[in-house]
Amino acid sequence: MSRAARSQLPVATPNGEVHIPLPRRVGLVGTPESAADAADATILLPKSPTEEEAERRQRRAAWQGRIAWGAPALVTLVLCVIGLTGPGLWADELATWGITTVSWAELWRQLDGTDATIGPYYVLIRIWAIVFGDSDLSLRLPSVLAMAGAAAIIGRIGTRLGSHQIGLLAGLTFAILPITTRFGQEARPYALATLAAAVATLLLLRMLERFTLGIALMYAAAVAALGLMHLVALLMLAAHGLAVLLTKPKLLWRWTPSALAGLIPLLPVILIGRRQQGTQIGWIPFTDLHQIEAYGLEFFGGALIGGAVIALGVAAISRERGAVVAICLGVVPVGLLMALGAVTHIWQQRYVLYTLVGWAVLVGLLLARRGLLAAISTMVALTVLALPGHAEVRKSSFRYQDTKAVVALIERDYRPGDGIVYGLQDRGPGALNRDIIAHYLPANRRPTDVLMDRPMRTDGWMVSSEHQDVAARLGETRRLWVLRLGEYGDPLDDLDGAKKDVLKERYDVTESWWTTGYTVALLTRKDPV
């Protein structure tokens, strides 16, 4: 065969493509300027139908993967934003706000005395407030983003367990739960802890598939992040350890060092937190039957939606790896914390908020096996059941205290020269009552704090100190507001120190109001006899 003839043969390139040289006299690609150019002119063979179908499947799978995590994240984001600034900050959120008002030096002194276990969250929110301000919207926004992130990770978990459908259904289940919105709208660390737990669970599943040093290090980092947001949430490790033992026992000797590595950065927080335990959580009641009943009725944001999710989750239990991990995560931390709560002051539903991840994954696993029509019908039913809960969680009554109602009452009837007295030893965090006035009322519309000696969060003390000579401090104040945490038939009952006796002697209760979680009273000075 001549050299010219050989130059017209098809040529296979190293990457598998086939090039066919064009005939010298074909004018489809222009007139060659030289014989060499004409010899090198080639065309690319069209892809076969099989190759095109494979590419279409890849593109479709990529889009399904994005939808599996993107749709839950978007739904969660929208639901959390709706009504975000409706209820006012309640006492715990006001503690978050208060920490943004102090200097860095004072912040460290505060953490040495109280709340060291969530100190990393306070540091994070302090930096956030420097950039974005300390409004209610700004303080709650990190929780909104964390919940949206958790929904996305749950979508990824479901995809990891077998299909994009599992991920989408699990993520949407998490998104529509009223309790997801409730804590996505709270300026506290529980939403961020939920995100960290979701990431750790995803990494655990990857570890169960194939252990690598990189995955182990990322898992340790996720465990550390979880503990930095909330130490009690580390009960997740008991769930993960049991899941490893049940699904892949040989991995236990590798998983354990990975988990322990995540605890190393937490040692200072653990040691300081242990010292503060009595003052920080000593107010929590022991677990009893009422607490257990409340879990079933309230944890998911409503009895109906909660019952439905638990029923679906239990129906999804199987020996499959994903189901074992999910049920362990959903049940083990709750059982352990309830048991501990029977002997120490530690049980609070919000401390196990991250277990929602396990229940959502279980629902996704079940619905993905039931077919498209059954899955859609069930999701619609769950959404309907969740609607009453979504209405409730946006009410101030669901947040323990209606601080905005307190402010509205005082602002409505305020007169220049008014004073105010607080109940420092009221049931619950009555010491934080001053934060309501400081946060919501401008300085020129606030009653005078007649008894305060040392402001809140000063010299390492979170609580303000008060002058003991109540009568002297009251002076000639004609009108006096009294703010109590809790509902009191007589607003002066059980008022701490000498306040009760002095106020009863000098003042009459003109008006008294109950709002959710508070008693507000207006007193006027008695006319001299």
Protein backbone atom coordinates (compact mmCIF):
# COMPACT_ATOMS: atom_id res chain seq x y z
CA MET A 1 0.00 0.00 0.00
CA SER A 2 1.32 3.41 -0.96
CA ARG A 3 2.13 6.09 1.61
CA ALA A 4 -0.69 8.31 0.29
CA ALA A 5 -3.21 5.50 0.75
CA ARG A 6 -2.03 4.78 4.29
CA SER A 7 -2.54 8.45 5.21
CA GLN A 8 -6.29 8.06 4.54
CA LEU A 9 -6.80 5.21 7.03
CA PRO A 10 -8.64 5.82 10.34
CA VAL A 11 -6.35 6.56 13.28
CA ALA A 12 -7.06 5.51 16.89
CA THR A 13 -5.78 7.93 19.53
CA PRO A 14 -4.56 6.80 23.00
CA ASN A 15 -7.81 8.00 24.66
CA GLY A 16 -9.95 5.74 22.47
CA GLU A 17 -11.23 8.33 19.96
CA VAL A 18 -11.11 7.47 16.24
CA HIS A 19 -10.06 10.12 13.73
CA ILE A 20 -10.68 9.75 10.00
CA PRO A 21 -8.52 11.90 7.70
CA LEU A 22 -10.49 13.88 5.16
CA PRO A 23 -9.96 13.27 1.48
CA ARG A 24 -7.54 15.73 -0.03
CA ARG A 25 -10.11 17.25 -2.37
CA VAL A 26 -13.08 17.54 0.01
CA GLY A 27 -13.84 21.23 0.60
CA LEU A 28 -15.93 20.95 3.78
CA VAL A 29 -13.19 22.31 6.02
CA GLY A 30 -11.77 24.89 3.72
CA THR A 31 -9.10 24.70 1.07
CA PRO A 32 -5.83 23.34 2.40
CA GLU A 33 -2.96 25.73 2.01
CA SER A 34 -0.47 22.90 1.67
CA ALA A 35 -0.35 19.19 1.11
CA ALA A 36 0.66 18.64 4.73
CA ASP A 37 -2.40 20.53 6.01
CA ALA A 38 -4.69 18.50 3.79
CA ALA A 39 -3.18 15.22 5.01
CA ASP A 40 -3.70 16.19 8.67
CA ALA A 41 -7.35 17.27 8.30
CA THR A 42 -9.55 14.98 10.44
CA ILE A 43 -13.13 14.59 11.68
CA LEU A 44 -14.40 13.10 14.99
CA LEU A 45 -16.71 10.12 14.71
CA PRO A 46 -20.14 10.74 16.32
CA LYS A 47 -20.76 9.04 19.66
CA SER A 48 -22.65 5.82 19.58
CA PRO A 49 -26.21 5.68 20.99
CA THR A 50 -24.89 3.65 23.93
CA GLU A 51 -22.32 6.32 24.84
CA GLU A 52 -24.91 9.11 24.56
CA GLU A 53 -27.32 7.20 26.79
CA ALA A 54 -24.56 6.68 29.36
CA GLU A 55 -23.81 10.42 29.39
CA ARG A 56 -27.49 11.25 29.79
CA ARG A 57 -27.70 8.87 32.74
CA GLN A 58 -24.66 10.47 34.33
CA ARG A 59 -26.12 13.95 33.96
CA ARG A 60 -29.47 12.80 35.32
CA ALA A 61 -27.81 11.09 38.29
CA ALA A 62 -25.80 14.24 39.02
CA TRP A 63 -28.96 16.35 39.04
CA GLN A 64 -30.78 13.82 41.21
CA GLY A 65 -27.87 13.91 43.63
CA ARG A 66 -28.04 17.70 43.84
CA ILE A 67 -31.80 17.62 44.36
CA ALA A 68 -31.46 14.97 47.09
CA TRP A 69 -29.52 17.39 49.31
CA GLY A 70 -30.49 20.75 47.80
CA ALA A 71 -34.28 20.42 48.08
CA PRO A 72 -34.27 19.53 51.80
CA ALA A 73 -31.82 22.34 52.52
CA LEU A 74 -34.00 24.84 50.65
CA VAL A 75 -37.24 23.70 52.33
CA THR A 76 -35.59 23.86 55.76
CA LEU A 77 -34.21 27.31 55.03
CA VAL A 78 -37.59 28.66 53.94
CA LEU A 79 -39.47 27.17 56.90
CA CYS A 80 -36.92 28.49 59.38
CA VAL A 81 -37.00 31.99 57.93
CA ILE A 82 -40.81 32.23 58.12
CA GLY A 83 -41.61 33.93 61.43
CA LEU A 84 -37.94 34.05 62.43
CA THR A 85 -38.20 37.32 64.35
CA GLY A 86 -41.79 36.87 65.60
CA PRO A 87 -41.24 35.70 69.18
CA GLY A 88 -38.76 37.64 71.27
CA LEU A 89 -35.57 36.19 72.66
CA TRP A 90 -36.30 34.06 75.71
CA ALA A 91 -33.99 33.85 78.74
CA ASP A 92 -31.40 31.46 77.27
CA GLU A 93 -31.25 33.43 74.03
CA LEU A 94 -30.85 36.63 76.00
CA ALA A 95 -27.82 35.00 77.62
CA THR A 96 -26.45 34.56 74.09
CA TRP A 97 -27.17 38.21 73.33
CA GLY A 98 -25.61 39.32 76.59
CA ILE A 99 -22.31 37.66 75.80
CA THR A 100 -22.05 39.71 72.59
CA THR A 101 -22.13 42.93 74.62
CA VAL A 102 -18.98 42.34 76.70
CA SER A 103 -15.32 42.76 75.87
CA TRP A 104 -13.17 39.76 74.96
CA ALA A 105 -11.41 39.96 78.31
CA GLU A 106 -14.74 39.90 80.14
CA LEU A 107 -15.93 37.04 77.93
CA TRP A 108 -13.08 34.82 79.15
CA ARG A 109 -13.82 35.76 82.75
CA GLN A 110 -17.48 34.89 82.24
CA LEU A 111 -16.67 31.47 80.80
CA ASP A 112 -14.42 30.72 83.74
CA GLY A 113 -17.44 31.14 85.99
CA THR A 114 -20.33 29.70 83.98
CA ASP A 115 -21.37 28.21 80.63
CA ALA A 116 -17.88 26.98 79.72
CA THR A 117 -19.45 23.90 78.13
CA ILE A 118 -20.93 26.06 75.37
CA GLY A 119 -18.13 28.63 75.48
CA PRO A 120 -16.99 27.82 71.91
CA TYR A 121 -20.49 28.67 70.69
CA TYR A 122 -20.34 31.98 72.55
CA VAL A 123 -16.99 32.76 70.93
CA LEU A 124 -18.44 31.94 67.51
CA ILE A 125 -21.54 34.09 68.06
CA ARG A 126 -19.40 36.90 69.45
CA ILE A 127 -17.42 37.00 66.19
CA TRP A 128 -20.64 36.71 64.18
CA ALA A 129 -22.17 39.68 66.02
CA ILE A 130 -19.12 41.84 65.30
CA VAL A 131 -19.74 41.34 61.58
CA PHE A 132 -23.55 41.09 61.39
CA GLY A 133 -24.81 42.84 64.54
CA ASP A 134 -26.77 41.62 67.55
CA SER A 135 -30.38 41.90 66.35
CA ASP A 136 -32.75 38.99 66.90
CA LEU A 137 -32.49 38.14 63.20
CA SER A 138 -28.70 38.16 63.22
CA LEU A 139 -28.37 36.09 66.39
CA ARG A 140 -30.74 33.40 65.11
CA LEU A 141 -29.40 33.21 61.58
CA PRO A 142 -26.49 30.82 62.36
CA SER A 143 -29.03 28.28 63.63
CA VAL A 144 -31.09 28.68 60.46
CA LEU A 145 -28.05 27.98 58.31
CA ALA A 146 -27.00 25.05 60.51
CA MET A 147 -30.40 23.38 60.20
CA ALA A 148 -30.37 23.85 56.44
CA GLY A 149 -26.89 22.33 56.39
CA ALA A 150 -28.06 19.39 58.50
CA ALA A 151 -30.92 18.74 56.05
CA ALA A 152 -28.43 18.71 53.18
CA ILE A 153 -26.16 16.26 55.01
CA ILE A 154 -29.12 13.97 55.73
CA GLY A 155 -29.79 13.99 51.99
CA ARG A 156 -26.19 12.91 51.45
CA ILE A 157 -26.54 10.19 54.08
CA GLY A 158 -29.57 8.73 52.31
CA THR A 159 -27.79 8.81 48.97
CA ARG A 160 -24.87 7.01 50.58
CA LEU A 161 -27.24 4.33 51.81
CA GLY A 162 -28.43 3.35 48.39
CA SER A 163 -30.27 5.93 46.33
CA HIS A 164 -31.06 9.58 45.79
CA GLN A 165 -34.67 8.80 46.65
CA ILE A 166 -33.67 7.76 50.17
CA GLY A 167 -31.71 10.97 50.58
CA LEU A 168 -34.49 13.20 49.28
CA LEU A 169 -37.19 11.57 51.42
CA ALA A 170 -35.03 11.54 54.56
CA GLY A 171 -33.99 15.15 54.09
CA LEU A 172 -37.55 16.33 53.47
CA THR A 173 -38.78 14.44 56.54
CA PHE A 174 -36.23 16.31 58.65
CA ALA A 175 -37.16 19.60 56.97
CA ILE A 176 -40.90 19.44 57.65
CA LEU A 177 -40.61 18.52 61.35
CA PRO A 178 -41.84 21.47 63.43
CA ILE A 179 -39.06 20.96 65.97
CA THR A 180 -36.48 21.47 63.21
CA THR A 181 -37.93 24.92 62.62
CA ARG A 182 -38.26 25.58 66.36
CA PHE A 183 -34.55 25.19 67.05
CA GLY A 184 -33.57 26.58 63.68
CA GLN A 185 -35.07 29.82 65.02
CA GLU A 186 -33.21 29.83 68.34
CA ALA A 187 -29.97 31.63 69.16
CA ARG A 188 -28.49 28.64 70.98
CA PRO A 189 -26.01 25.91 69.94
CA TYR A 190 -28.42 22.99 69.45
CA ALA A 191 -28.85 23.44 65.69
CA LEU A 192 -25.08 23.59 65.21
CA ALA A 193 -24.71 20.43 67.30
CA THR A 194 -27.28 18.74 65.05
CA LEU A 195 -25.26 19.70 61.98
CA ALA A 196 -22.06 18.31 63.53
CA ALA A 197 -23.83 15.06 64.47
CA ALA A 198 -25.15 14.67 60.93
CA VAL A 199 -21.67 15.17 59.48
CA ALA A 200 -20.19 12.67 61.95
CA THR A 201 -22.85 10.10 61.02
CA LEU A 202 -22.15 10.52 57.31
CA LEU A 203 -18.44 9.99 57.98
CA LEU A 204 -19.22 6.92 60.10
CA LEU A 205 -21.06 5.37 57.15
CA ARG A 206 -18.08 6.07 54.91
CA MET A 207 -15.85 4.51 57.55
CA LEU A 208 -18.03 1.39 57.62
CA GLU A 209 -17.68 1.12 53.85
CA ARG A 210 -13.94 1.68 53.71
CA PHE A 211 -11.66 2.88 56.48
CA THR A 212 -8.99 5.42 55.57
CA LEU A 213 -6.87 7.73 57.68
CA GLY A 214 -8.43 10.75 56.01
CA ILE A 215 -11.96 9.68 56.92
CA ALA A 216 -10.84 8.91 60.48
CA LEU A 217 -9.36 12.39 60.88
CA MET A 218 -12.48 14.04 59.48
CA TYR A 219 -14.61 11.97 61.84
CA ALA A 220 -12.49 13.06 64.80
CA ALA A 221 -12.91 16.69 63.72
CA ALA A 222 -16.70 16.27 63.51
CA VAL A 223 -16.77 14.73 67.00
CA ALA A 224 -14.72 17.65 68.32
CA ALA A 225 -17.07 20.15 66.68
CA LEU A 226 -20.05 18.37 68.22
CA GLY A 227 -18.56 18.52 71.70
CA LEU A 228 -17.54 22.14 71.30
CA MET A 229 -21.13 23.07 70.52
CA HIS A 230 -22.65 20.96 73.30
CA LEU A 231 -20.85 18.45 75.51
CA VAL A 232 -23.93 16.39 76.34
CA ALA A 233 -24.37 15.68 72.63
CA LEU A 234 -21.29 13.44 72.83
CA LEU A 235 -23.70 10.67 73.82
CA MET A 236 -23.89 10.26 70.06
CA LEU A 237 -20.66 8.26 70.38
CA ALA A 238 -22.49 5.56 72.34
CA ALA A 239 -24.92 5.23 69.42
CA HIS A 240 -22.11 5.13 66.86
CA GLY A 241 -20.12 2.61 68.87
CA LEU A 242 -23.10 0.28 69.17
CA ALA A 243 -23.79 0.61 65.44
CA VAL A 244 -20.19 -0.35 64.63
CA LEU A 245 -20.37 -3.31 67.01
CA LEU A 246 -23.58 -4.57 65.39
CA THR A 247 -22.64 -4.04 61.74
CA LYS A 248 -18.86 -4.40 61.50
CA PRO A 249 -17.27 -5.49 64.79
CA LYS A 250 -13.78 -5.72 63.31
CA LEU A 251 -13.85 -1.96 62.73
CA LEU A 252 -14.30 -1.21 66.43
CA TRP A 253 -10.57 -1.12 67.15
CA ARG A 254 -10.15 1.52 64.42
CA TRP A 255 -13.28 3.51 65.18
CA THR A 256 -12.44 3.85 68.88
CA PRO A 257 -9.15 5.78 68.41
CA SER A 258 -10.90 8.01 65.87
CA ALA A 259 -13.60 8.87 68.39
CA LEU A 260 -11.10 9.37 71.22
CA ALA A 261 -9.02 11.67 69.03
CA GLY A 262 -12.06 13.92 68.74
CA LEU A 263 -12.30 14.14 72.53
CA ILE A 264 -8.74 15.38 73.05
CA PRO A 265 -9.46 19.05 72.13
CA LEU A 266 -12.46 18.94 74.49
CA LEU A 267 -10.54 18.07 77.67
CA PRO A 268 -10.23 21.69 78.92
CA VAL A 269 -13.95 22.29 78.31
CA ILE A 270 -14.85 19.02 80.05
CA LEU A 271 -12.73 19.81 83.12
CA ILE A 272 -14.03 23.36 83.51
CA GLY A 273 -17.60 22.28 82.80
CA ARG A 274 -17.45 19.61 85.50
CA ARG A 275 -16.53 22.30 88.00
CA GLN A 276 -19.50 24.42 86.92
CA GLN A 277 -22.03 21.57 86.79
CA GLY A 278 -23.91 22.50 89.96
CA THR A 279 -24.61 26.10 88.95
CA GLN A 280 -25.20 25.42 85.27
CA ILE A 281 -27.67 22.52 85.24
CA GLY A 282 -28.57 22.12 88.90
CA TRP A 283 -32.00 23.63 88.24
CA ILE A 284 -33.05 20.76 85.90
CA PRO A 285 -35.55 18.36 87.54
CA PHE A 286 -34.92 14.62 87.68
CA THR A 287 -36.42 12.47 84.95
CA ASP A 288 -39.83 11.05 85.83
CA LEU A 289 -42.83 9.59 84.01
CA HIS A 290 -44.02 13.08 83.13
CA GLN A 291 -40.72 13.82 81.38
CA ILE A 292 -40.91 10.58 79.43
CA GLU A 293 -44.48 11.30 78.37
CA ALA A 294 -43.52 14.84 77.35
CA TYR A 295 -40.83 13.44 75.07
CA GLY A 296 -43.37 11.49 73.06
CA LEU A 297 -45.82 14.38 72.90
CA GLU A 298 -43.44 17.27 72.26
CA PHE A 299 -40.07 16.19 70.90
CA PHE A 300 -40.96 16.22 67.21
CA GLY A 301 -43.08 19.35 67.54
CA GLY A 302 -46.45 17.71 68.08
CA ALA A 303 -48.01 14.44 69.21
CA LEU A 304 -49.47 13.52 65.80
CA ILE A 305 -46.36 14.15 63.73
CA GLY A 306 -44.21 12.59 66.43
CA GLY A 307 -46.30 9.44 66.57
CA ALA A 308 -46.24 9.11 62.79
CA VAL A 309 -42.46 9.51 62.54
CA ILE A 310 -41.83 7.02 65.34
CA ALA A 311 -44.22 4.48 63.77
CA LEU A 312 -42.58 4.82 60.35
CA GLY A 313 -39.13 4.68 61.88
CA VAL A 314 -39.87 1.50 63.80
CA ALA A 315 -41.31 -0.07 60.63
CA ALA A 316 -38.01 0.67 58.86
CA ILE A 317 -35.86 -1.26 61.34
CA SER A 318 -33.88 -4.02 59.66
CA ARG A 319 -30.42 -5.57 59.67
CA GLU A 320 -29.27 -3.26 56.91
CA ARG A 321 -26.30 -1.14 57.87
CA GLY A 322 -28.08 2.16 57.34
CA ALA A 323 -31.11 1.14 59.39
CA VAL A 324 -28.91 -0.07 62.26
CA VAL A 325 -26.93 3.18 62.35
CA ALA A 326 -30.11 5.27 62.15
CA ILE A 327 -32.05 3.48 64.91
CA CYS A 328 -29.02 3.52 67.20
CA LEU A 329 -28.68 7.27 66.67
CA GLY A 330 -32.39 7.87 67.19
CA VAL A 331 -32.81 5.82 70.37
CA VAL A 332 -29.55 5.24 72.28
CA PRO A 333 -28.73 8.86 73.28
CA VAL A 334 -32.31 9.44 74.42
CA GLY A 335 -32.38 6.31 76.55
CA LEU A 336 -28.99 7.04 78.11
CA LEU A 337 -29.79 10.66 78.93
CA MET A 338 -33.16 9.73 80.44
CA ALA A 339 -31.42 7.11 82.59
CA LEU A 340 -28.80 9.62 83.70
CA GLY A 341 -31.54 12.16 84.33
CA ALA A 342 -33.06 9.86 86.93
CA VAL A 343 -29.98 10.26 89.14
CA THR A 344 -28.60 13.66 88.14
CA HIS A 345 -29.86 16.98 86.80
CA ILE A 346 -29.28 16.58 83.08
CA TRP A 347 -32.35 15.53 81.04
CA GLN A 348 -33.61 18.12 78.61
CA GLN A 349 -35.23 17.27 75.27
CA ARG A 350 -33.17 19.82 73.39
CA TYR A 351 -29.97 18.09 74.53
CA VAL A 352 -30.81 15.17 72.20
CA LEU A 353 -32.13 17.24 69.30
CA TYR A 354 -29.57 15.67 66.95
CA THR A 355 -31.32 12.30 67.23
CA LEU A 356 -33.80 13.67 64.69
CA VAL A 357 -31.17 12.75 62.10
CA GLY A 358 -31.63 9.05 62.85
CA TRP A 359 -35.43 9.16 62.71
CA ALA A 360 -35.41 11.09 59.42
CA VAL A 361 -33.08 8.55 57.81
CA LEU A 362 -35.29 5.68 58.97
CA VAL A 363 -38.35 7.28 57.38
CA GLY A 364 -36.41 7.82 54.15
CA LEU A 365 -35.30 4.17 54.07
CA LEU A 366 -38.86 2.93 54.53
CA LEU A 367 -40.55 5.21 52.00
CA ALA A 368 -37.95 4.58 49.30
CA ARG A 369 -38.84 0.87 49.47
CA ARG A 370 -42.58 1.50 49.15
CA GLY A 371 -42.65 3.01 45.68
CA LEU A 372 -43.21 6.50 44.32
CA LEU A 373 -46.96 6.78 44.93
CA ALA A 374 -46.75 5.53 48.52
CA ALA A 375 -43.79 7.83 49.23
CA ILE A 376 -45.55 10.92 47.88
CA SER A 377 -48.77 10.09 49.73
CA THR A 378 -46.92 9.56 53.02
CA MET A 379 -44.93 12.78 52.68
CA VAL A 380 -48.13 14.72 52.01
CA ALA A 381 -49.73 13.13 55.08
CA LEU A 382 -46.69 13.96 57.23
CA THR A 383 -46.79 17.55 56.01
CA VAL A 384 -50.45 17.87 56.97
CA LEU A 385 -49.77 16.38 60.40
CA ALA A 386 -46.90 18.84 60.87
CA LEU A 387 -48.95 21.96 60.12
CA PRO A 388 -50.42 22.42 63.64
CA GLY A 389 -46.95 22.03 65.08
CA HIS A 390 -45.53 24.68 62.75
CA ALA A 391 -48.19 27.09 63.94
CA GLU A 392 -47.38 26.31 67.59
CA VAL A 393 -43.58 26.58 67.41
CA ARG A 394 -43.88 30.11 66.06
CA LYS A 395 -45.83 31.21 69.12
CA SER A 396 -44.11 32.81 72.09
CA SER A 397 -45.79 30.30 74.39
CA PHE A 398 -43.72 27.53 72.81
CA ARG A 399 -40.54 29.36 73.86
CA TYR A 400 -41.27 29.37 77.57
CA GLN A 401 -41.36 33.18 77.88
CA ASP A 402 -42.99 36.00 75.92
CA THR A 403 -40.42 38.75 76.38
CA LYS A 404 -41.93 41.02 73.75
CA ALA A 405 -45.24 41.11 75.66
CA VAL A 406 -43.35 42.23 78.78
CA VAL A 407 -41.68 45.02 76.84
CA ALA A 408 -44.98 46.11 75.25
CA LEU A 409 -46.64 46.42 78.66
CA ILE A 410 -43.87 48.52 80.16
CA GLU A 411 -43.43 50.65 77.06
CA ARG A 412 -47.16 51.37 76.89
CA ASP A 413 -47.51 52.68 80.44
CA TYR A 414 -44.00 53.98 81.08
CA ARG A 415 -43.56 57.46 82.53
CA PRO A 416 -40.31 59.34 83.09
CA GLY A 417 -39.10 58.76 86.63
CA ASP A 418 -40.44 55.20 86.88
CA GLY A 419 -38.26 52.64 88.67
CA ILE A 420 -38.08 48.87 88.34
CA VAL A 421 -37.34 45.97 90.70
CA TYR A 422 -36.51 42.40 89.66
CA GLY A 423 -36.99 39.04 91.32
CA LEU A 424 -33.48 37.60 91.34
CA GLN A 425 -34.37 34.26 92.89
CA ASP A 426 -37.47 33.48 90.88
CA ARG A 427 -38.05 29.98 89.54
CA GLY A 428 -35.68 29.49 86.62
CA PRO A 429 -33.18 32.07 85.33
CA GLY A 430 -34.76 35.08 87.03
CA ALA A 431 -31.30 36.61 87.29
CA LEU A 432 -31.51 37.30 83.53
CA ASN A 433 -34.65 39.46 83.73
CA ARG A 434 -32.59 42.63 83.36
CA ASP A 435 -31.56 41.50 79.87
CA ILE A 436 -35.13 41.94 78.60
CA ILE A 437 -35.15 45.65 79.40
CA ALA A 438 -31.56 46.19 78.28
CA HIS A 439 -32.05 44.47 74.94
CA TYR A 440 -35.46 45.72 73.86
CA LEU A 441 -35.99 49.14 75.44
CA PRO A 442 -33.95 52.19 74.45
CA ALA A 443 -32.12 53.93 77.28
CA ASN A 444 -34.50 56.90 77.31
CA ARG A 445 -37.55 54.62 77.66
CA ARG A 446 -36.32 52.36 80.44
CA PRO A 447 -37.44 52.46 84.07
CA THR A 448 -34.53 53.21 86.42
CA ASP A 449 -32.96 50.10 87.91
CA VAL A 450 -33.13 51.44 91.46
CA LEU A 451 -31.38 48.57 93.29
CA MET A 452 -28.51 47.65 90.96
CA ASP A 453 -24.96 48.07 92.26
CA ARG A 454 -22.88 46.03 89.80
CA PRO A 455 -24.12 45.57 86.21
CA MET A 456 -24.57 42.12 84.73
CA ARG A 457 -21.52 40.36 83.25
CA THR A 458 -18.95 42.40 85.12
CA ASP A 459 -15.71 41.18 86.71
CA GLY A 460 -16.54 37.59 85.89
CA TRP A 461 -19.99 37.71 87.50
CA MET A 462 -22.93 37.03 85.19
CA VAL A 463 -25.54 38.19 87.73
CA SER A 464 -25.73 41.82 88.81
CA SER A 465 -25.44 42.67 92.49
CA GLU A 466 -28.05 44.75 94.31
CA HIS A 467 -27.93 47.22 97.17
CA GLN A 468 -29.20 45.69 100.40
CA ASP A 469 -30.79 48.87 101.76
CA VAL A 470 -33.93 48.68 99.63
CA ALA A 471 -35.74 51.54 101.37
CA ALA A 472 -32.86 53.95 100.86
CA ARG A 473 -32.54 53.09 97.18
CA LEU A 474 -36.25 53.52 96.50
CA GLY A 475 -36.11 57.08 97.77
CA GLU A 476 -39.07 59.09 96.54
CA THR A 477 -39.83 56.93 93.51
CA ARG A 478 -43.57 57.29 92.93
CA ARG A 479 -44.16 54.49 90.43
CA LEU A 480 -42.36 51.18 90.48
CA TRP A 481 -42.44 48.27 88.06
CA VAL A 482 -41.90 44.72 89.31
CA LEU A 483 -40.76 42.02 86.87
CA ARG A 484 -40.94 38.38 87.97
CA LEU A 485 -40.09 35.18 86.13
CA GLY A 486 -43.10 32.88 86.59
CA GLU A 487 -46.76 33.51 87.25
CA TYR A 488 -47.63 34.90 90.70
CA GLY A 489 -51.11 35.67 92.03
CA ASP A 490 -49.50 38.33 94.20
CA PRO A 491 -46.54 39.86 92.32
CA LEU A 492 -44.74 40.45 95.63
CA ASP A 493 -44.97 36.85 96.88
CA ASP A 494 -41.59 35.22 97.60
CA LEU A 495 -39.72 38.31 96.41
CA ASP A 496 -36.12 37.92 97.53
CA GLY A 497 -34.38 39.76 100.34
CA ALA A 498 -36.08 42.70 102.02
CA LYS A 499 -37.91 43.71 98.84
CA LYS A 500 -41.24 42.11 99.70
CA ASP A 501 -41.63 43.76 103.11
CA VAL A 502 -40.48 47.21 101.98
CA LEU A 503 -42.63 47.23 98.87
CA LYS A 504 -45.74 46.07 100.74
CA GLU A 505 -45.19 48.79 103.31
CA ARG A 506 -44.66 51.63 100.86
CA TYR A 507 -46.55 50.71 97.67
CA ASP A 508 -49.91 49.50 96.43
CA VAL A 509 -50.21 47.12 93.50
CA THR A 510 -52.05 49.22 90.91
CA GLU A 511 -52.05 46.70 88.07
CA SER A 512 -50.70 43.23 87.50
CA TRP A 513 -50.42 41.19 84.29
CA TRP A 514 -49.47 37.65 83.37
CA THR A 515 -47.71 36.99 80.12
CA THR A 516 -46.24 33.68 79.03
CA GLY A 517 -43.62 32.94 81.67
CA TYR A 518 -43.70 36.35 83.41
CA THR A 519 -45.57 38.45 85.94
CA VAL A 520 -45.44 42.21 85.42
CA ALA A 521 -46.83 44.61 88.01
CA LEU A 522 -47.08 48.38 88.36
CA LEU A 523 -46.92 49.73 91.91
CA THR A 524 -47.72 53.25 93.08
CA ARG A 525 -46.50 54.83 96.29
CA LYS A 526 -48.97 54.97 99.16
CA ASP A 527 -50.05 58.40 100.27
CA PRO A 528 -48.56 59.33 103.65
CA VAL A 529 -51.04 59.09 106.50
